[in-house]
Amino acid sequence: MKGHAEFKQQGTLNIVGNVKHGIKAGEYITLKNATLNITSAVGDGISCNEYFLMQSGNITISGTGDDGIQCDLDGDTSTGETVNHEDEDSGNMYISGGSINITSTATAAKGIKCAGDMNIGGGTITVTTTGKGTWDEDDLETKAACGLSCDGTAHFEGNCYVSGTVGIENFEMEDIIVRSLNGTIIVEGCEGCEVSIFNMEGRRVSNRGLATGVYLVKVGDYPTRKIVVTR
């Protein structure tokens, strides 16, 4: 569809994307109450521009040839978050409730991917990725499959479980990047900063051989963030 898509009513849509994406909107997508089951798609399960907002409802995605949910900018420059999302073109994701379950086996695919910030304030998200990486000839770098990926800052307050080759691809705090790789949390862009890692019980842990799970990462004087580590 060329414009935006709003799924507000209770009910269920079962979708198969035989040509490209399961659901494609040229503008934003919002979801409240509805249930979307995307059982296969040549491209992404859900693809939109401007922003993606989910307050409640259920999304289940599997059998995709690319990403589970992807949100891009419509224009060249981000507006950032706007009041009531009026005329917003940020590439942001806003998830405050509901349930998302994504299973991806595609090469270099992301479970959830956005060009802006990823804001998760509630709901339950389960993402499983098992796809391999691939060499990108244009960018001259390896592109890996991962659970969550955003070009901006990731904020987590809800329940999120990610499994696969890579968990959360990264989150950023100004020029600082925090990511997980093979059971270790890596901090880039803050040399000399004290890095403290805590489990969800508040106990400080060593940054070696971390088990799969959610951890709290404190970098210098920056706010504490959550990150998912997978093995």
Protein backbone atom coordinates (compact mmCIF):
# COMPACT_ATOMS: atom_id res chain seq x y z
CA MET A 1 0.00 0.00 0.00
CA LYS A 2 1.25 3.50 -0.82
CA GLY A 3 0.09 5.22 2.36
CA HIS A 4 0.02 4.19 6.01
CA ALA A 5 -1.57 1.11 7.57
CA GLU A 6 -3.49 1.09 10.87
CA PHE A 7 -4.54 -2.24 12.38
CA LYS A 8 -6.92 -1.25 15.20
CA GLN A 9 -9.71 -3.79 15.35
CA GLN A 10 -9.80 -7.16 17.06
CA GLY A 11 -9.47 -9.96 14.57
CA THR A 12 -6.86 -12.05 12.82
CA LEU A 13 -5.10 -11.67 9.47
CA ASN A 14 -3.24 -14.67 8.05
CA ILE A 15 -0.79 -13.51 5.40
CA VAL A 16 1.44 -15.14 2.78
CA GLY A 17 3.75 -12.86 0.79
CA ASN A 18 4.16 -14.67 -2.53
CA VAL A 19 5.66 -11.70 -4.42
CA LYS A 20 7.70 -9.67 -1.94
CA HIS A 21 6.84 -8.55 1.62
CA GLY A 22 4.03 -9.93 3.73
CA ILE A 23 2.85 -6.40 4.60
CA LYS A 24 4.32 -3.30 2.93
CA ALA A 25 3.35 0.30 3.73
CA GLY A 26 4.86 3.35 2.04
CA GLU A 27 4.32 5.29 5.25
CA TYR A 28 3.93 4.28 8.92
CA ILE A 29 2.26 1.22 10.47
CA THR A 30 0.36 1.16 13.78
CA LEU A 31 -1.05 -1.89 15.55
CA LYS A 32 -3.55 -2.16 18.40
CA ASN A 33 -5.65 -5.23 19.30
CA ALA A 34 -5.22 -7.03 15.97
CA THR A 35 -3.42 -10.32 15.37
CA LEU A 36 -1.12 -10.67 12.34
CA ASN A 37 0.16 -14.11 11.34
CA ILE A 38 2.70 -14.00 8.50
CA THR A 39 3.61 -17.56 7.61
CA SER A 40 5.89 -16.82 4.66
CA ALA A 41 7.18 -13.94 2.54
CA VAL A 42 9.70 -13.58 -0.25
CA GLY A 43 11.08 -10.44 1.41
CA ASP A 44 10.36 -8.96 4.83
CA GLY A 45 7.48 -10.06 7.01
CA ILE A 46 6.50 -6.43 7.65
CA SER A 47 8.11 -3.44 5.93
CA CYS A 48 7.24 0.22 6.40
CA ASN A 49 8.65 3.74 6.30
CA GLU A 50 8.50 6.71 8.72
CA TYR A 51 7.84 4.76 11.94
CA PHE A 52 6.35 1.57 13.41
CA LEU A 53 4.12 1.73 16.50
CA MET A 54 2.61 -1.20 18.40
CA GLN A 55 0.48 -0.75 21.51
CA SER A 56 -1.11 -4.20 21.80
CA GLY A 57 -2.08 -7.20 19.73
CA ASN A 58 -0.02 -10.08 18.42
CA ILE A 59 2.46 -10.54 15.60
CA THR A 60 3.85 -13.91 14.52
CA ILE A 61 6.32 -14.05 11.63
CA SER A 62 8.14 -17.00 10.08
CA GLY A 63 9.34 -18.22 6.70
CA THR A 64 10.69 -14.89 5.46
CA GLY A 65 13.41 -14.40 2.88
CA ASP A 66 14.71 -11.29 4.61
CA ASP A 67 13.98 -9.37 7.83
CA GLY A 68 11.07 -10.02 10.17
CA ILE A 69 10.03 -6.38 10.75
CA GLN A 70 11.86 -3.51 9.07
CA CYS A 71 11.27 0.24 9.34
CA ASP A 72 13.13 2.72 7.09
CA LEU A 73 13.19 6.44 6.58
CA ASP A 74 10.91 7.70 3.83
CA GLY A 75 13.11 10.71 3.08
CA ASP A 76 16.82 11.43 3.33
CA THR A 77 16.74 13.20 6.71
CA SER A 78 15.15 12.10 9.99
CA THR A 79 12.64 14.38 11.70
CA GLY A 80 13.22 12.57 14.99
CA GLU A 81 10.24 11.78 17.21
CA THR A 82 7.48 14.39 16.88
CA VAL A 83 4.49 15.30 19.07
CA ASN A 84 1.81 12.64 18.55
CA HIS A 85 4.01 11.40 15.67
CA GLU A 86 2.60 14.16 13.46
CA ASP A 87 4.47 14.24 10.13
CA GLU A 88 7.14 12.04 11.70
CA ASP A 89 9.76 10.43 9.49
CA SER A 90 12.26 9.02 11.96
CA GLY A 91 12.63 5.34 11.14
CA ASN A 92 11.85 4.74 14.83
CA MET A 93 10.10 1.76 16.38
CA TYR A 94 7.77 2.14 19.36
CA ILE A 95 6.62 -1.06 21.07
CA SER A 96 4.70 -0.59 24.33
CA GLY A 97 2.61 -3.76 24.53
CA GLY A 98 1.44 -6.92 22.86
CA SER A 99 3.37 -9.97 21.76
CA ILE A 100 5.87 -10.43 18.93
CA ASN A 101 7.25 -13.83 17.95
CA ILE A 102 9.69 -13.95 15.03
CA THR A 103 11.58 -16.96 13.68
CA SER A 104 14.11 -16.29 10.92
CA THR A 105 16.43 -18.64 9.05
CA ALA A 106 17.39 -16.30 6.19
CA THR A 107 21.00 -15.33 5.53
CA ALA A 108 22.04 -12.04 7.19
CA ALA A 109 18.43 -11.37 8.19
CA LYS A 110 17.45 -9.27 11.19
CA GLY A 111 14.50 -10.19 13.38
CA ILE A 112 13.60 -6.53 13.96
CA LYS A 113 15.45 -3.72 12.19
CA CYS A 114 14.99 0.04 12.13
CA ALA A 115 16.79 3.04 10.67
CA GLY A 116 16.14 5.15 13.78
CA ASP A 117 15.74 4.46 17.51
CA MET A 118 14.24 1.27 18.92
CA ASN A 119 11.98 1.98 21.90
CA ILE A 120 10.65 -1.09 23.71
CA GLY A 121 8.63 -0.13 26.78
CA GLY A 122 6.43 -3.17 27.27
CA GLY A 123 5.07 -6.34 25.78
CA THR A 124 6.86 -9.62 25.15
CA ILE A 125 9.22 -10.08 22.22
CA THR A 126 10.75 -13.40 21.21
CA VAL A 127 13.16 -13.46 18.27
CA THR A 128 15.07 -16.50 17.02
CA THR A 129 17.58 -16.15 14.18
CA THR A 130 19.64 -19.01 12.78
CA GLY A 131 20.73 -17.62 9.42
CA LYS A 132 24.36 -17.39 8.34
CA GLY A 133 26.33 -14.26 7.49
CA THR A 134 27.32 -13.09 4.03
CA TRP A 135 29.90 -10.82 2.39
CA ASP A 136 28.50 -7.51 1.10
CA GLU A 137 30.39 -6.47 -2.04
CA ASP A 138 28.99 -2.93 -1.99
CA ASP A 139 29.85 -2.12 1.65
CA LEU A 140 32.89 -4.41 1.69
CA GLU A 141 31.94 -5.98 5.00
CA THR A 142 30.34 -9.08 6.43
CA LYS A 143 26.63 -8.81 7.18
CA ALA A 144 25.45 -11.11 9.98
CA ALA A 145 22.04 -12.36 10.98
CA CYS A 146 20.89 -10.99 14.33
CA GLY A 147 17.83 -10.59 16.52
CA LEU A 148 17.56 -6.81 16.87
CA SER A 149 19.32 -4.09 14.87
CA CYS A 150 18.94 -0.33 14.94
CA ASP A 151 20.95 2.54 13.48
CA GLY A 152 20.04 4.79 16.41
CA THR A 153 19.69 4.14 20.14
CA ALA A 154 17.91 1.12 21.63
CA HIS A 155 15.86 1.61 24.83
CA PHE A 156 14.51 -1.47 26.64
CA GLU A 157 11.97 -1.63 29.46
CA GLY A 158 9.88 -4.66 28.51
CA ASN A 159 10.49 -8.41 28.26
CA CYS A 160 12.69 -9.29 25.33
CA TYR A 161 14.35 -12.61 24.55
CA VAL A 162 16.63 -12.94 21.55
CA SER A 163 18.46 -16.07 20.42
CA GLY A 164 20.63 -16.78 17.42
CA THR A 165 24.06 -16.05 15.99
CA VAL A 166 24.06 -12.53 17.37
CA GLY A 167 21.57 -11.13 19.87
CA ILE A 168 21.20 -7.36 19.86
CA GLU A 169 23.45 -6.08 17.11
CA ASN A 170 24.31 -2.92 19.02
CA PHE A 171 22.99 -0.03 20.99
CA GLU A 172 24.48 3.45 20.98
CA MET A 173 24.98 6.14 23.60
CA GLU A 174 26.17 9.20 21.68
CA ASP A 175 29.37 7.87 20.03
CA ILE A 176 29.59 4.75 22.21
CA ILE A 177 28.61 1.36 20.82
CA VAL A 178 27.86 -1.64 23.05
CA ARG A 179 27.43 -5.05 21.45
CA SER A 180 27.70 -8.72 22.30
CA LEU A 181 29.87 -11.28 20.55
CA ASN A 182 30.32 -14.93 21.51
CA GLY A 183 29.46 -14.45 25.18
CA THR A 184 31.41 -11.21 25.66
CA ILE A 185 30.13 -7.63 25.85
CA ILE A 186 32.23 -5.25 23.77
CA VAL A 187 32.29 -1.48 24.34
CA GLU A 188 33.64 0.77 21.60
CA GLY A 189 34.21 4.54 21.59
CA CYS A 190 34.82 5.10 25.30
CA GLU A 191 38.44 4.27 26.02
CA GLY A 192 39.26 4.60 29.70
CA CYS A 193 35.61 4.42 30.77
CA GLU A 194 34.78 2.02 33.57
CA VAL A 195 32.48 -0.74 32.34
CA SER A 196 30.37 -2.68 34.85
CA ILE A 197 28.16 -5.64 33.97
CA PHE A 198 25.38 -6.96 36.19
CA ASN A 199 22.97 -9.86 35.86
CA MET A 200 19.24 -9.27 36.28
CA GLU A 201 19.54 -10.05 40.00
CA GLY A 202 21.83 -7.04 40.39
CA ARG A 203 24.99 -9.09 40.93
CA ARG A 204 28.14 -7.85 39.21
CA VAL A 205 29.60 -10.45 36.84
CA SER A 206 32.79 -10.97 34.89
CA ASN A 207 32.78 -10.12 31.20
CA ARG A 208 34.04 -13.55 30.20
CA GLY A 209 32.04 -16.52 29.02
CA LEU A 210 28.68 -14.90 29.78
CA ALA A 211 25.75 -17.27 29.57
CA THR A 212 22.84 -16.51 27.28
CA GLY A 213 20.57 -13.95 28.94
CA VAL A 214 19.87 -10.28 29.63
CA TYR A 215 22.50 -8.13 31.35
CA LEU A 216 22.73 -4.58 32.61
CA VAL A 217 25.69 -2.61 31.25
CA LYS A 218 26.97 0.55 32.93
CA VAL A 219 29.51 2.56 30.92
CA GLY A 220 31.13 5.46 32.75
CA ASP A 221 28.54 8.04 33.80
CA TYR A 222 26.07 7.07 31.08
CA PRO A 223 22.67 5.55 31.94
CA THR A 224 22.56 1.80 32.51
CA ARG A 225 21.32 -0.17 29.51
CA LYS A 226 20.06 -3.70 28.93
CA ILE A 227 21.69 -5.96 26.37
CA VAL A 228 20.97 -9.54 25.38
CA VAL A 229 23.91 -11.93 25.13
CA THR A 230 23.70 -15.15 23.13
CA ARG A 231 26.23 -17.93 22.65
